[in-house]
Each structure stands twice: as C-alpha cells, then as structure tokens.
Amino acid sequence: MEKTAPAKSEDTRPRGKRPLNVWVTPEERVEIERLAAATSLSVSAYLRTLGLAYQPKSTLDAGRVRELLKACGDLGRLGGLLKLWLVERPGQGAPETDVRRLLDQIGELRERIVEKVASV
C-alpha cells in the first residue's frame, strides 16, 4: 500500500499583506464591530477603509427602506379591505367594531411609517 504525505493546511492569509495591530478598549471594540457590521464589512476591511480616508456606505438604510416598504404594503392592504367593506358591500359583513378596529390598525401603521421615515 502506498503512503501519502499528510495534507498540509492551506495558508489563507492574503499574499503581500501584513496585519496592523490597534489597541482598543472592550467598549471601543464592540462599537467598531457594530459599525463594521452596519456597513457589511469585516472589521479589517472597515478599519482599512476608514484608515485610507474613504467613507464606507451603510447598508442599514437598505434594511430600513425594506421595513418602510413592508409597512406601506400592509397599509395598502388594510385600505383595500376597508374599501371593500365600505364601498363594494355597504352594510354587509362588516360590523362597525371591525371597521373601527381596522381604522385603528391603519393609524398604527401610519405612525410606524412616520417613525421609519424619521429614522432614515
């Protein structure tokens, strides 16, 4: 039986690059990691980007826009249901308490949308 050499672990370090150590407090480390995650970058890429005077773009805005669009879609669906009850079938199948509850839900969604817009 033929013997094979043990597999060597591959060197995954980037060629031609060297690490740069930065001393930070635990709180600073947590904040840097949070900011790096907000830009969808590794901590290394985030610090390199800032160190070379580039401003990384946040990817949180895209998430907020998705949340805003979801809230708008929910509001549109509730408005369509209200239209169905009030216009297409007047007096049928929609007790006043249900209509009031729906209007309250629309008001709550409206407030959520305003909060999301303010945070973007």
C-alpha atoms as a PDB file:
ATOM      1  CA  MET A   1       0.000   0.000   0.000  1.00  0.00           C
ATOM      2  CA  GLU A   2       1.302   3.418  -0.979  1.00  0.00           C
ATOM      3  CA  LYS A   3       1.798   6.020   1.750  1.00  0.00           C
ATOM      4  CA  THR A   4       0.706   9.559   1.074  1.00  0.00           C
ATOM      5  CA  ALA A   5       2.066  12.651   2.700  1.00  0.00           C
ATOM      6  CA  PRO A   6      -0.194  14.243   5.313  1.00  0.00           C
ATOM      7  CA  ALA A   7      -2.309  17.053   3.922  1.00  0.00           C
ATOM      8  CA  LYS A   8      -0.852  20.476   4.594  1.00  0.00           C
ATOM      9  CA  SER A   9      -3.166  23.129   5.912  1.00  0.00           C
ATOM     10  CA  GLU A  10      -3.533  25.838   3.330  1.00  0.00           C
ATOM     11  CA  ASP A  11      -2.319  29.303   4.153  1.00  0.00           C
ATOM     12  CA  THR A  12      -5.408  31.518   3.843  1.00  0.00           C
ATOM     13  CA  ARG A  13      -3.622  34.773   4.635  1.00  0.00           C
ATOM     14  CA  PRO A  14      -3.688  37.342   1.843  1.00  0.00           C
ATOM     15  CA  ARG A  15      -0.373  37.425  -0.008  1.00  0.00           C
ATOM     16  CA  GLY A  16       1.587  40.642   0.273  1.00  0.00           C
ATOM     17  CA  LYS A  17      -0.465  41.940   3.200  1.00  0.00           C
ATOM     18  CA  ARG A  18       0.597  42.296   6.801  1.00  0.00           C
ATOM     19  CA  PRO A  19      -1.542  42.711   9.924  1.00  0.00           C
ATOM     20  CA  LEU A  20      -1.725  46.038  11.730  1.00  0.00           C
ATOM     21  CA  ASN A  21      -2.473  45.883  15.449  1.00  0.00           C
ATOM     22  CA  VAL A  22      -4.625  48.557  17.054  1.00  0.00           C
ATOM     23  CA  TRP A  23      -5.170  48.765  20.800  1.00  0.00           C
ATOM     24  CA  VAL A  24      -8.774  49.480  21.800  1.00  0.00           C
ATOM     25  CA  THR A  25     -10.902  49.173  24.917  1.00  0.00           C
ATOM     26  CA  PRO A  26     -13.559  46.441  25.034  1.00  0.00           C
ATOM     27  CA  GLU A  27     -16.238  49.105  24.528  1.00  0.00           C
ATOM     28  CA  GLU A  28     -14.429  50.523  21.502  1.00  0.00           C
ATOM     29  CA  ARG A  29     -14.070  47.040  20.046  1.00  0.00           C
ATOM     30  CA  VAL A  30     -17.813  46.395  20.367  1.00  0.00           C
ATOM     31  CA  GLU A  31     -18.590  49.744  18.707  1.00  0.00           C
ATOM     32  CA  ILE A  32     -16.136  49.136  15.848  1.00  0.00           C
ATOM     33  CA  GLU A  33     -17.596  45.661  15.269  1.00  0.00           C
ATOM     34  CA  ARG A  34     -21.123  47.121  15.260  1.00  0.00           C
ATOM     35  CA  LEU A  35     -20.170  49.832  12.763  1.00  0.00           C
ATOM     36  CA  ALA A  36     -18.380  47.309  10.539  1.00  0.00           C
ATOM     37  CA  ALA A  37     -21.461  45.064  10.545  1.00  0.00           C
ATOM     38  CA  ALA A  38     -23.651  48.052   9.667  1.00  0.00           C
ATOM     39  CA  THR A  39     -21.606  48.514   6.502  1.00  0.00           C
ATOM     40  CA  SER A  40     -21.469  44.769   5.747  1.00  0.00           C
ATOM     41  CA  LEU A  41     -17.681  44.810   6.023  1.00  0.00           C
ATOM     42  CA  SER A  42     -15.295  42.768   8.105  1.00  0.00           C
ATOM     43  CA  VAL A  43     -13.629  44.682  10.927  1.00  0.00           C
ATOM     44  CA  SER A  44     -10.367  44.562   8.969  1.00  0.00           C
ATOM     45  CA  ALA A  45     -11.939  45.933   5.774  1.00  0.00           C
ATOM     46  CA  TYR A  46     -13.847  48.578   7.735  1.00  0.00           C
ATOM     47  CA  LEU A  47     -10.735  49.883   9.529  1.00  0.00           C
ATOM     48  CA  ARG A  48      -8.663  49.755   6.339  1.00  0.00           C
ATOM     49  CA  THR A  49     -11.352  51.740   4.514  1.00  0.00           C
ATOM     50  CA  LEU A  50     -11.507  54.388   7.229  1.00  0.00           C
ATOM     51  CA  GLY A  51      -7.724  54.478   7.600  1.00  0.00           C
ATOM     52  CA  LEU A  52      -7.344  55.250   3.908  1.00  0.00           C
ATOM     53  CA  ALA A  53      -9.814  58.151   4.250  1.00  0.00           C
ATOM     54  CA  TYR A  54     -12.744  56.509   2.479  1.00  0.00           C
ATOM     55  CA  GLN A  55     -16.217  56.707   3.976  1.00  0.00           C
ATOM     56  CA  PRO A  56     -17.891  53.282   3.828  1.00  0.00           C
ATOM     57  CA  LYS A  57     -21.569  53.319   2.908  1.00  0.00           C
ATOM     58  CA  SER A  58     -24.039  51.958   5.407  1.00  0.00           C
ATOM     59  CA  THR A  59     -26.206  49.027   4.425  1.00  0.00           C
ATOM     60  CA  LEU A  60     -28.643  49.745   7.250  1.00  0.00           C
ATOM     61  CA  ASP A  61     -30.505  52.234   5.100  1.00  0.00           C
ATOM     62  CA  ALA A  62     -31.489  49.440   2.712  1.00  0.00           C
ATOM     63  CA  GLY A  63     -32.941  47.473   5.616  1.00  0.00           C
ATOM     64  CA  ARG A  64     -34.917  50.472   6.801  1.00  0.00           C
ATOM     65  CA  VAL A  65     -36.263  51.056   3.318  1.00  0.00           C
ATOM     66  CA  ARG A  66     -37.435  47.410   3.180  1.00  0.00           C
ATOM     67  CA  GLU A  67     -39.194  47.867   6.531  1.00  0.00           C
ATOM     68  CA  LEU A  68     -40.818  51.050   5.263  1.00  0.00           C
ATOM     69  CA  LEU A  69     -41.987  49.349   2.076  1.00  0.00           C
ATOM     70  CA  LYS A  70     -43.438  46.465   4.085  1.00  0.00           C
ATOM     71  CA  ALA A  71     -45.347  48.881   6.307  1.00  0.00           C
ATOM     72  CA  CYS A  72     -46.645  50.717   3.224  1.00  0.00           C
ATOM     73  CA  GLY A  73     -47.780  47.417   1.708  1.00  0.00           C
ATOM     74  CA  ASP A  74     -49.599  46.491   4.920  1.00  0.00           C
ATOM     75  CA  LEU A  75     -51.284  49.877   4.936  1.00  0.00           C
ATOM     76  CA  GLY A  76     -52.359  49.424   1.319  1.00  0.00           C
ATOM     77  CA  ARG A  77     -53.867  46.013   2.053  1.00  0.00           C
ATOM     78  CA  LEU A  78     -55.789  47.365   5.023  1.00  0.00           C
ATOM     79  CA  GLY A  79     -57.037  50.274   2.925  1.00  0.00           C
ATOM     80  CA  GLY A  80     -58.219  47.848   0.249  1.00  0.00           C
ATOM     81  CA  LEU A  81     -60.107  45.826   2.827  1.00  0.00           C
ATOM     82  CA  LEU A  82     -61.722  48.965   4.189  1.00  0.00           C
ATOM     83  CA  LYS A  83     -62.752  49.949   0.664  1.00  0.00           C
ATOM     84  CA  LEU A  84     -64.288  46.517   0.153  1.00  0.00           C
ATOM     85  CA  TRP A  85     -66.334  46.846   3.330  1.00  0.00           C
ATOM     86  CA  LEU A  86     -67.443  50.439   2.872  1.00  0.00           C
ATOM     87  CA  VAL A  87     -67.869  50.850  -0.884  1.00  0.00           C
ATOM     88  CA  GLU A  88     -68.456  47.493  -2.556  1.00  0.00           C
ATOM     89  CA  ARG A  89     -70.658  45.928   0.129  1.00  0.00           C
ATOM     90  CA  PRO A  90     -72.286  48.702   2.124  1.00  0.00           C
ATOM     91  CA  GLY A  91     -73.960  47.362   5.246  1.00  0.00           C
ATOM     92  CA  GLN A  92     -72.836  43.766   4.633  1.00  0.00           C
ATOM     93  CA  GLY A  93     -70.484  41.612   6.647  1.00  0.00           C
ATOM     94  CA  ALA A  94     -68.609  44.365   8.409  1.00  0.00           C
ATOM     95  CA  PRO A  95     -69.780  45.312  11.851  1.00  0.00           C
ATOM     96  CA  GLU A  96     -68.877  48.823  12.916  1.00  0.00           C
ATOM     97  CA  THR A  97     -66.471  47.464  15.565  1.00  0.00           C
ATOM     98  CA  ASP A  98     -64.462  45.670  12.858  1.00  0.00           C
ATOM     99  CA  VAL A  99     -64.302  48.824  10.751  1.00  0.00           C
ATOM    100  CA  ARG A 100     -63.168  50.835  13.785  1.00  0.00           C
ATOM    101  CA  ARG A 101     -60.509  48.214  14.601  1.00  0.00           C
ATOM    102  CA  LEU A 102     -59.280  48.368  11.012  1.00  0.00           C
ATOM    103  CA  LEU A 103     -59.103  52.149  11.154  1.00  0.00           C
ATOM    104  CA  ASP A 104     -57.071  51.875  14.380  1.00  0.00           C
ATOM    105  CA  GLN A 105     -54.678  49.447  12.676  1.00  0.00           C
ATOM    106  CA  ILE A 106     -54.266  51.835   9.763  1.00  0.00           C
ATOM    107  CA  GLY A 107     -53.498  54.626  12.227  1.00  0.00           C
ATOM    108  CA  GLU A 108     -50.876  52.471  13.973  1.00  0.00           C
ATOM    109  CA  LEU A 109     -49.250  51.579  10.640  1.00  0.00           C
ATOM    110  CA  ARG A 110     -49.232  55.231   9.661  1.00  0.00           C
ATOM    111  CA  GLU A 111     -47.354  56.028  12.891  1.00  0.00           C
ATOM    112  CA  ARG A 112     -44.858  53.234  12.170  1.00  0.00           C
ATOM    113  CA  ILE A 113     -44.242  54.628   8.701  1.00  0.00           C
ATOM    114  CA  VAL A 114     -43.645  58.115  10.083  1.00  0.00           C
ATOM    115  CA  GLU A 115     -41.154  56.661  12.630  1.00  0.00           C
ATOM    116  CA  LYS A 116     -39.326  54.715   9.910  1.00  0.00           C
ATOM    117  CA  VAL A 117     -39.088  57.749   7.653  1.00  0.00           C
ATOM    118  CA  ALA A 118     -37.767  59.839  10.530  1.00  0.00           C
ATOM    119  CA  SER A 119     -35.083  57.244  11.307  1.00  0.00           C
ATOM    120  CA  VAL A 120     -33.807  57.067   7.714  1.00  0.00           C
END
